[in-house]
Protein backbone atom coordinates (compact mmCIF):
# COMPACT_ATOMS: atom_id res chain seq x y z
CA UNK A 1 -228.99 192.40 -13.02
CA UNK A 2 -225.30 192.93 -13.74
CA UNK A 3 -223.00 189.91 -13.97
CA UNK A 4 -221.05 189.18 -10.80
CA UNK A 5 -217.55 187.89 -11.43
CA UNK A 6 -216.22 185.56 -8.74
CA UNK A 7 -212.57 184.51 -8.66
CA UNK A 8 -211.91 181.33 -6.67
CA UNK A 9 -208.40 180.87 -5.31
CA UNK A 10 -207.08 177.99 -3.19
CA UNK A 11 -208.45 174.79 -4.70
CA UNK A 12 -206.06 172.62 -6.72
CA UNK A 13 -208.46 172.96 -9.63
CA UNK A 14 -211.24 171.35 -11.62
CA UNK A 15 -212.17 168.77 -12.83
CA UNK A 16 -212.00 167.60 -9.22
CA UNK A 17 -209.56 164.78 -8.51
CA UNK A 18 -208.35 165.58 -5.03
CA UNK A 19 -210.07 166.84 -1.89
CA UNK A 20 -213.01 168.72 -0.48
CA UNK A 21 -212.27 172.15 -1.90
CA UNK A 22 -211.92 170.76 -5.40
CA UNK A 23 -215.20 168.84 -5.13
CA UNK A 24 -216.87 171.98 -3.78
CA UNK A 25 -215.74 174.08 -6.75
CA UNK A 26 -216.80 171.29 -9.13
CA UNK A 27 -220.31 171.27 -7.64
CA UNK A 28 -220.54 175.07 -7.44
CA UNK A 29 -219.75 175.47 -11.14
CA UNK A 30 -221.58 172.37 -12.42
CA UNK A 31 -224.82 173.20 -10.60
CA UNK A 32 -224.79 176.94 -11.28
CA UNK A 33 -228.34 178.26 -11.76
CA UNK A 34 -227.93 182.00 -12.19
CA UNK A 35 -226.82 183.42 -15.54
CA UNK A 36 -225.65 186.50 -13.65
CA UNK A 37 -222.60 184.82 -12.10
CA UNK A 38 -219.38 183.97 -13.86
CA UNK A 39 -216.72 181.96 -12.07
CA UNK A 40 -212.98 182.15 -12.58
CA UNK A 41 -211.15 179.17 -11.05
CA UNK A 42 -207.43 178.92 -10.32
CA UNK A 43 -205.88 175.54 -11.19
CA UNK A 44 -202.41 174.22 -10.47
CA UNK A 45 -200.77 173.68 -13.84
CA UNK A 46 -198.73 170.65 -12.74
CA UNK A 47 -201.93 168.88 -11.67
CA UNK A 48 -204.21 170.02 -14.49
CA UNK A 49 -205.31 167.74 -17.33
CA UNK A 50 -205.67 170.80 -19.55
CA UNK A 51 -202.30 172.44 -20.19
CA UNK A 52 -203.70 175.60 -21.82
CA UNK A 53 -203.12 178.76 -19.83
CA UNK A 54 -206.87 179.46 -19.86
CA UNK A 55 -209.66 176.98 -20.59
CA UNK A 56 -213.39 176.57 -20.00
CA UNK A 57 -214.91 173.92 -17.76
CA UNK A 58 -218.49 173.86 -16.43
CA UNK A 59 -218.88 177.26 -18.12
CA UNK A 60 -216.24 178.64 -15.73
CA UNK A 61 -213.04 180.31 -16.88
CA UNK A 62 -210.20 178.21 -15.50
CA UNK A 63 -206.67 179.58 -15.42
CA UNK A 64 -203.57 177.45 -14.92
CA UNK A 65 -200.99 178.71 -12.45
CA UNK A 66 -197.47 177.30 -12.62
CA UNK A 67 -195.56 177.01 -9.35
CA UNK A 68 -192.18 175.42 -8.60
CA UNK A 69 -191.94 172.44 -6.23
CA UNK A 70 -190.72 174.16 -3.07
CA UNK A 71 -192.15 171.88 -0.38
CA UNK A 72 -194.88 173.16 1.97
CA UNK A 73 -194.40 176.69 0.62
CA UNK A 74 -195.73 175.59 -2.79
CA UNK A 75 -199.37 176.01 -1.70
CA UNK A 76 -198.60 179.50 -0.38
CA UNK A 77 -196.89 180.53 -3.61
CA UNK A 78 -199.73 179.04 -5.64
CA UNK A 79 -202.34 181.14 -3.82
CA UNK A 80 -200.27 184.30 -4.21
CA UNK A 81 -199.72 183.78 -7.94
CA UNK A 82 -203.43 182.97 -8.43
CA UNK A 83 -204.34 186.18 -6.59
CA UNK A 84 -201.95 188.17 -8.75
CA UNK A 85 -203.44 186.66 -11.93
CA UNK A 86 -206.96 187.55 -10.72
CA UNK A 87 -206.07 191.15 -9.83
CA UNK A 88 -204.27 191.66 -13.15
CA UNK A 89 -207.26 190.26 -15.06
CA UNK A 90 -209.74 192.42 -13.13
CA UNK A 91 -207.68 195.53 -13.83
CA UNK A 92 -207.10 194.78 -17.51
CA UNK A 93 -210.77 194.01 -18.20
CA UNK A 94 -212.23 196.78 -16.03
CA UNK A 95 -214.34 194.31 -14.05
CA UNK A 96 -216.61 196.10 -11.62
CA UNK A 97 -217.24 194.92 -8.06
CA UNK A 98 -215.47 191.54 -8.35
CA UNK A 99 -215.38 189.02 -5.53
CA UNK A 100 -212.20 187.12 -4.79
CA UNK A 101 -212.99 184.02 -2.72
CA UNK A 102 -209.91 182.51 -1.09
CA UNK A 103 -210.22 178.95 0.21
CA UNK A 104 -208.13 178.38 3.38
CA UNK A 105 -205.88 180.75 5.34
CA UNK A 106 -202.46 180.08 3.86
CA UNK A 107 -201.35 183.57 2.83
CA UNK A 108 -202.10 185.76 5.85
CA UNK A 109 -198.68 187.44 6.08
CA UNK A 110 -199.06 188.62 2.46
CA UNK A 111 -202.76 189.40 2.29
CA UNK A 112 -202.71 193.05 3.40
CA UNK A 113 -201.18 194.42 0.18
CA UNK A 114 -203.47 192.29 -2.00
CA UNK A 115 -206.51 193.33 0.01
CA UNK A 116 -205.57 196.95 -0.66
CA UNK A 117 -205.36 196.29 -4.39
CA UNK A 118 -208.72 194.49 -4.37
CA UNK A 119 -210.27 197.41 -2.49
CA UNK A 120 -208.85 199.93 -4.98
CA UNK A 121 -210.48 197.93 -7.79
CA UNK A 122 -213.85 198.07 -6.03
CA UNK A 123 -213.73 194.39 -5.10
CA UNK A 124 -214.38 192.32 -2.00
CA UNK A 125 -212.21 189.66 -0.36
CA UNK A 126 -214.10 186.62 0.92
CA UNK A 127 -212.26 183.87 2.83
CA UNK A 128 -213.21 180.31 3.76
CA UNK A 129 -211.19 179.66 6.96
CA UNK A 130 -211.41 175.86 6.67
CA UNK A 131 -210.47 174.05 9.90
CA UNK A 132 -207.70 174.49 12.44
CA UNK A 133 -204.71 173.93 10.16
CA UNK A 134 -202.38 175.06 12.96
CA UNK A 135 -203.47 172.05 15.06
CA UNK A 136 -202.50 169.41 12.52
CA UNK A 137 -199.85 167.09 13.90
CA UNK A 138 -198.12 166.68 10.54
CA UNK A 139 -196.70 170.20 10.81
CA UNK A 140 -193.61 171.14 12.80
CA UNK A 141 -193.98 173.74 15.57
CA UNK A 142 -192.63 176.62 13.40
CA UNK A 143 -195.05 175.72 10.60
CA UNK A 144 -197.96 175.49 13.03
CA UNK A 145 -197.03 178.92 14.35
CA UNK A 146 -197.09 180.25 10.79
CA UNK A 147 -200.57 178.77 10.17
CA UNK A 148 -201.94 180.39 13.33
CA UNK A 149 -200.51 183.80 12.43
CA UNK A 150 -201.74 183.38 8.86
CA UNK A 151 -205.26 182.55 10.05
CA UNK A 152 -205.28 185.63 12.27
CA UNK A 153 -204.25 187.95 9.43
CA UNK A 154 -206.70 186.43 6.94
CA UNK A 155 -209.49 187.03 9.44
CA UNK A 156 -208.29 190.59 10.07
CA UNK A 157 -208.23 191.62 6.41
CA UNK A 158 -211.21 189.76 4.92
CA UNK A 159 -214.48 191.47 4.09
CA UNK A 160 -216.39 188.28 4.85
CA UNK A 161 -215.52 184.87 6.30
CA UNK A 162 -217.65 182.03 4.92
CA UNK A 163 -217.52 179.26 7.55
CA UNK A 164 -218.56 175.71 6.63
CA UNK A 165 -219.22 174.84 10.27
CA UNK A 166 -221.14 176.59 13.06
CA UNK A 167 -218.36 175.56 15.42
CA UNK A 168 -215.73 177.21 13.19
CA UNK A 169 -217.85 180.36 12.95
CA UNK A 170 -218.16 180.49 16.75
CA UNK A 171 -214.40 179.99 17.13
CA UNK A 172 -213.60 182.77 14.63
CA UNK A 173 -215.91 185.23 16.37
CA UNK A 174 -214.55 184.45 19.84
CA UNK A 175 -210.85 184.02 19.01
CA UNK A 176 -210.63 187.16 16.89
CA UNK A 177 -213.27 189.34 18.54
CA UNK A 178 -210.91 192.33 18.43
CA UNK A 179 -211.38 192.47 14.66
CA UNK A 180 -215.17 192.15 14.87
CA UNK A 181 -215.09 189.64 11.97
CA UNK A 182 -217.96 189.61 9.52
CA UNK A 183 -219.00 185.96 9.16
CA UNK A 184 -221.66 183.81 7.58
CA UNK A 185 -222.31 180.08 7.58
CA UNK A 186 -222.58 177.95 4.44
CA UNK A 187 -221.75 174.28 4.78
CA UNK A 188 -220.11 171.86 2.41
CA UNK A 189 -222.66 169.77 0.50
CA UNK A 190 -223.58 166.18 -0.27
CA UNK A 191 -226.48 164.07 -1.57
CA UNK A 192 -228.24 160.74 -1.02
CA UNK A 193 -228.25 159.73 -4.69
CA UNK A 194 -227.29 156.02 -4.99
CA UNK A 195 -224.19 154.95 -6.86
CA UNK A 196 -224.59 154.35 -10.59
CA UNK A 197 -222.74 151.06 -10.08
CA UNK A 198 -224.03 147.88 -8.49
CA UNK A 199 -222.24 144.90 -6.98
CA UNK A 200 -222.47 142.95 -10.24
CA UNK A 201 -220.59 145.55 -12.26
CA UNK A 202 -217.09 144.54 -13.30
CA UNK A 203 -215.32 147.36 -11.42
CA UNK A 204 -217.13 146.48 -8.19
CA UNK A 205 -216.63 142.70 -8.45
CA UNK A 206 -212.96 143.20 -9.25
CA UNK A 207 -212.44 145.50 -6.26
CA UNK A 208 -214.22 143.28 -3.72
CA UNK A 209 -212.47 140.14 -4.98
CA UNK A 210 -209.05 141.82 -5.04
CA UNK A 211 -209.19 142.58 -1.32
CA UNK A 212 -211.33 139.58 -0.30
CA UNK A 213 -214.04 141.82 1.13
CA UNK A 214 -217.68 140.81 1.51
CA UNK A 215 -220.44 143.43 1.14
CA UNK A 216 -222.15 144.46 4.41
CA UNK A 217 -219.45 142.66 6.36
CA UNK A 218 -216.97 145.46 6.95
CA UNK A 219 -216.51 148.73 8.77
CA UNK A 220 -215.07 151.51 6.65
CA UNK A 221 -212.68 154.42 7.19
CA UNK A 222 -212.13 157.03 4.47
CA UNK A 223 -209.85 160.01 5.03
CA UNK A 224 -206.40 161.52 4.85
CA UNK A 225 -203.75 159.40 6.51
CA UNK A 226 -202.72 161.85 9.23
CA UNK A 227 -202.46 161.50 13.04
CA UNK A 228 -205.28 163.95 13.87
CA UNK A 229 -207.76 161.66 12.11
CA UNK A 230 -207.14 159.20 14.96
CA UNK A 231 -206.22 156.10 12.97
CA UNK A 232 -204.26 154.76 15.91
CA UNK A 233 -207.23 154.90 18.27
CA UNK A 234 -209.66 153.45 15.73
CA UNK A 235 -207.37 150.57 14.77
CA UNK A 236 -206.51 149.70 18.38
CA UNK A 237 -210.14 149.80 19.46
CA UNK A 238 -211.28 147.78 16.46
CA UNK A 239 -208.67 145.14 17.24
CA UNK A 240 -209.97 145.00 20.83
CA UNK A 241 -213.55 144.55 19.68
CA UNK A 242 -215.18 141.14 19.20
CA UNK A 243 -216.48 141.83 15.70
CA UNK A 244 -215.86 139.29 12.95
CA UNK A 245 -216.22 141.97 10.30
CA UNK A 246 -213.27 143.55 8.47
CA UNK A 247 -211.96 147.08 8.89
CA UNK A 248 -211.43 148.51 5.40
CA UNK A 249 -209.23 151.63 5.29
CA UNK A 250 -209.34 153.78 2.15
CA UNK A 251 -206.57 156.35 2.37
CA UNK A 252 -203.45 157.67 0.69
CA UNK A 253 -201.19 155.61 2.92
CA UNK A 254 -197.47 156.29 2.65
CA UNK A 255 -194.68 154.22 4.15
CA UNK A 256 -193.66 157.12 6.38
CA UNK A 257 -192.88 157.59 10.06
CA UNK A 258 -196.56 157.77 10.97
CA UNK A 259 -197.28 154.48 9.20
CA UNK A 260 -194.27 152.81 10.85
CA UNK A 261 -195.40 154.12 14.23
CA UNK A 262 -198.85 152.63 13.65
CA UNK A 263 -197.34 149.26 12.82
CA UNK A 264 -195.31 149.30 16.02
CA UNK A 265 -198.06 150.61 18.30
CA UNK A 266 -200.97 148.51 17.02
CA UNK A 267 -199.32 145.47 15.37
CA UNK A 268 -202.28 145.56 12.97
CA UNK A 269 -200.44 143.28 10.55
CA UNK A 270 -201.24 140.41 12.92
CA UNK A 271 -204.99 141.03 12.58
CA UNK A 272 -206.39 139.72 9.30
CA UNK A 273 -209.48 141.92 9.71
CA UNK A 274 -207.46 145.11 9.12
CA UNK A 275 -207.24 145.88 5.39
CA UNK A 276 -205.46 148.91 3.95
CA UNK A 277 -206.71 149.13 0.37
CA UNK A 278 -205.20 152.40 -0.86
CA UNK A 279 -207.27 155.07 -2.58
CA UNK A 280 -210.38 154.78 -4.75
CA UNK A 281 -210.50 157.49 -7.40
CA UNK A 282 -213.64 156.18 -9.09
CA UNK A 283 -216.30 158.25 -7.29
CA UNK A 284 -219.15 155.88 -8.18
CA UNK A 285 -217.18 152.88 -6.91
CA UNK A 286 -216.33 154.75 -3.70
CA UNK A 287 -219.99 155.56 -3.18
CA UNK A 288 -220.89 151.88 -3.73
CA UNK A 289 -218.25 150.81 -1.20
CA UNK A 290 -219.78 153.26 1.29
CA UNK A 291 -223.29 151.97 0.61
CA UNK A 292 -222.27 148.37 1.24
CA UNK A 293 -220.31 148.97 4.43
CA UNK A 294 -221.93 147.73 7.62
CA UNK A 295 -220.71 150.85 9.38
CA UNK A 296 -218.45 153.87 8.94
CA UNK A 297 -215.84 155.01 11.48
CA UNK A 298 -214.97 158.71 11.55
CA UNK A 299 -212.11 159.96 13.71
CA UNK A 300 -211.50 163.44 12.27
CA UNK A 301 -210.74 165.81 15.12
CA UNK A 302 -209.52 168.97 13.34
CA UNK A 303 -211.50 170.99 10.84
CA UNK A 304 -215.01 172.05 10.00
CA UNK A 305 -217.71 170.15 8.18
CA UNK A 306 -215.83 167.21 6.71
CA UNK A 307 -216.81 166.11 3.16
CA UNK A 308 -216.07 162.45 3.91
CA UNK A 309 -218.46 162.57 6.87
CA UNK A 310 -221.28 164.07 4.81
CA UNK A 311 -220.76 161.46 2.11
CA UNK A 312 -220.90 158.71 4.74
CA UNK A 313 -224.11 160.07 6.26
CA UNK A 314 -225.67 160.07 2.80
CA UNK A 315 -224.48 156.57 1.85
CA UNK A 316 -223.64 154.38 4.86
CA UNK A 317 -226.43 153.16 7.10
CA UNK A 318 -224.58 153.28 10.45
CA UNK A 319 -222.01 155.93 11.29
CA UNK A 320 -219.74 155.91 14.37
CA UNK A 321 -218.27 159.39 14.91
CA UNK A 322 -215.66 160.80 17.25
CA UNK A 323 -217.56 163.04 19.64
CA UNK A 324 -216.16 166.51 18.91
CA UNK A 325 -218.19 169.64 18.17
CA UNK A 326 -217.67 169.54 14.38
CA UNK A 327 -218.91 165.95 14.07
CA UNK A 328 -221.77 166.30 16.55
CA UNK A 329 -223.04 169.37 14.73
CA UNK A 330 -223.35 167.31 11.54
CA UNK A 331 -224.33 163.84 12.77
CA UNK A 332 -226.84 164.84 15.47
CA UNK A 333 -229.30 161.98 16.12
CA UNK A 334 -228.42 160.24 12.85
CA UNK A 335 -225.15 158.80 14.16
CA UNK A 336 -223.55 157.04 17.12
CA UNK A 337 -220.69 158.74 19.00
CA UNK A 338 -217.50 157.59 20.70
CA UNK A 339 -214.69 159.16 22.71
CA UNK A 340 -211.01 158.32 22.88
CA UNK A 341 -211.16 156.70 26.32
CA UNK A 342 -209.74 153.19 26.24
CA UNK A 343 -212.41 150.60 25.43
CA UNK A 344 -215.10 153.11 24.46
CA UNK A 345 -215.06 152.58 20.69
CA UNK A 346 -214.46 148.83 21.04
CA UNK A 347 -217.60 148.57 23.17
CA UNK A 348 -219.57 150.68 20.68
CA UNK A 349 -218.48 148.41 17.81
CA UNK A 350 -219.62 145.36 19.76
CA UNK A 351 -222.97 147.05 20.41
CA UNK A 352 -223.30 148.17 16.78
CA UNK A 353 -222.78 144.58 15.61
CA UNK A 354 -225.92 143.64 17.52
CA UNK A 355 -228.22 146.38 16.20
CA UNK A 356 -231.54 145.15 14.86
CA UNK A 357 -232.54 145.84 11.28
CA UNK A 358 -235.15 148.30 12.57
CA UNK A 359 -232.51 150.20 14.57
CA UNK A 360 -230.20 150.34 11.56
CA UNK A 361 -233.02 151.52 9.32
CA UNK A 362 -233.91 154.25 11.84
CA UNK A 363 -230.33 155.58 11.92
CA UNK A 364 -230.16 155.48 8.13
CA UNK A 365 -233.41 157.41 7.72
CA UNK A 366 -232.29 160.07 10.19
CA UNK A 367 -228.88 160.53 8.58
CA UNK A 368 -230.44 160.78 5.11
CA UNK A 369 -232.91 163.34 6.40
CA UNK A 370 -230.02 165.42 7.78
CA UNK A 371 -228.34 165.47 4.36
CA UNK A 372 -231.54 166.33 2.48
CA UNK A 373 -232.63 169.12 4.82
CA UNK A 374 -229.27 170.70 5.69
CA UNK A 375 -226.52 169.67 3.29
CA UNK A 376 -228.01 168.93 -0.13
CA UNK A 377 -225.83 170.44 -2.86
CA UNK A 378 -228.82 172.24 -4.38
CA UNK A 379 -229.33 174.13 -1.11
CA UNK A 380 -225.63 174.92 -0.73
CA UNK A 381 -225.21 176.22 -4.28
CA UNK A 382 -228.34 178.34 -3.91
CA UNK A 383 -226.95 179.89 -0.71
CA UNK A 384 -223.66 180.74 -2.44
CA UNK A 385 -225.39 182.29 -5.43
CA UNK A 386 -227.54 184.45 -3.15
CA UNK A 387 -224.41 185.50 -1.27
CA UNK A 388 -222.49 186.43 -4.42
CA UNK A 389 -225.42 188.23 -6.07
CA UNK A 390 -227.22 189.77 -3.13
CA UNK A 391 -224.63 189.86 -0.38
CA UNK A 392 -226.78 187.60 1.82
CA UNK A 393 -227.96 184.01 2.02
């Protein structure tokens, strides 16, 4: 079988230090089984540990792309320059039938001319549409309008859309039916492998002591600090609950307008249970913190299959999820669900506090089974390799 060359554009790069796309590319390259696939991965030079223009990592060819700091447009420029690098490389090295896999829909207004070049080179353009970027509250109205137009054009010009959520796939097919989009479903992945750390390890003891947190006596939130992840609702409802446990929030919190609004609207500083602890970059420590949480709160409302949710289902015994289609699709009967009506989550927290050990164990077993049967990284990587090699999963 001939080697299939796959160029991945859109992640910040590997080794993974940032978000879901980066972790996905890390897993895809690290767990590669087939010798008939070679990955090329775009990396942002300003974020890369390796400053060489081209370097190898996980047997993938990584290429650094330098982009100026031009605000929100930086990500758009980065994708364009990574695409140009890929097309130039394909042309120079006479690569046959390449696949360019673009993560997210940032460059729709520019994609037509690049799609034409890819087609002329005998290649295919695959796109992962991610979630509804145009719904994110952090963007101004003009930027949201751009994201919506960009999504539309990426759908129009792609050869295949790889959706990480059934709900996203359904939305793409219905919203853009005039283009008769070619779609497939491959989720993000996770695992149920325990952390390599334990509570007696120095890093763990130091972290728990620093924030005065007791294992199995806290609810946990992990996610980007943005309005559409419903921090305001979760904090208000937690404060209204009767629980004596802490609420530990792991996020990249910035002293911005959103944070100041939260302080004013919730007055969380007056509740000693609420603990903002910043980010945790040590993946094994983060997994241990998940494992020793009493419960996990998930308020993500925009997007597809969320990596943080999958990690919680694989590590935390009880998971309380906002009841939207994306989360219900993943959590099924292995989680508890809440809505944004006043008092709903507070009541659920009170009820969750009273769960018996048997009820907790039942939820944990179901959530672990969901990960093993539907989201295990081995399954996900196998599906991608079949797609790249055979054109099907």
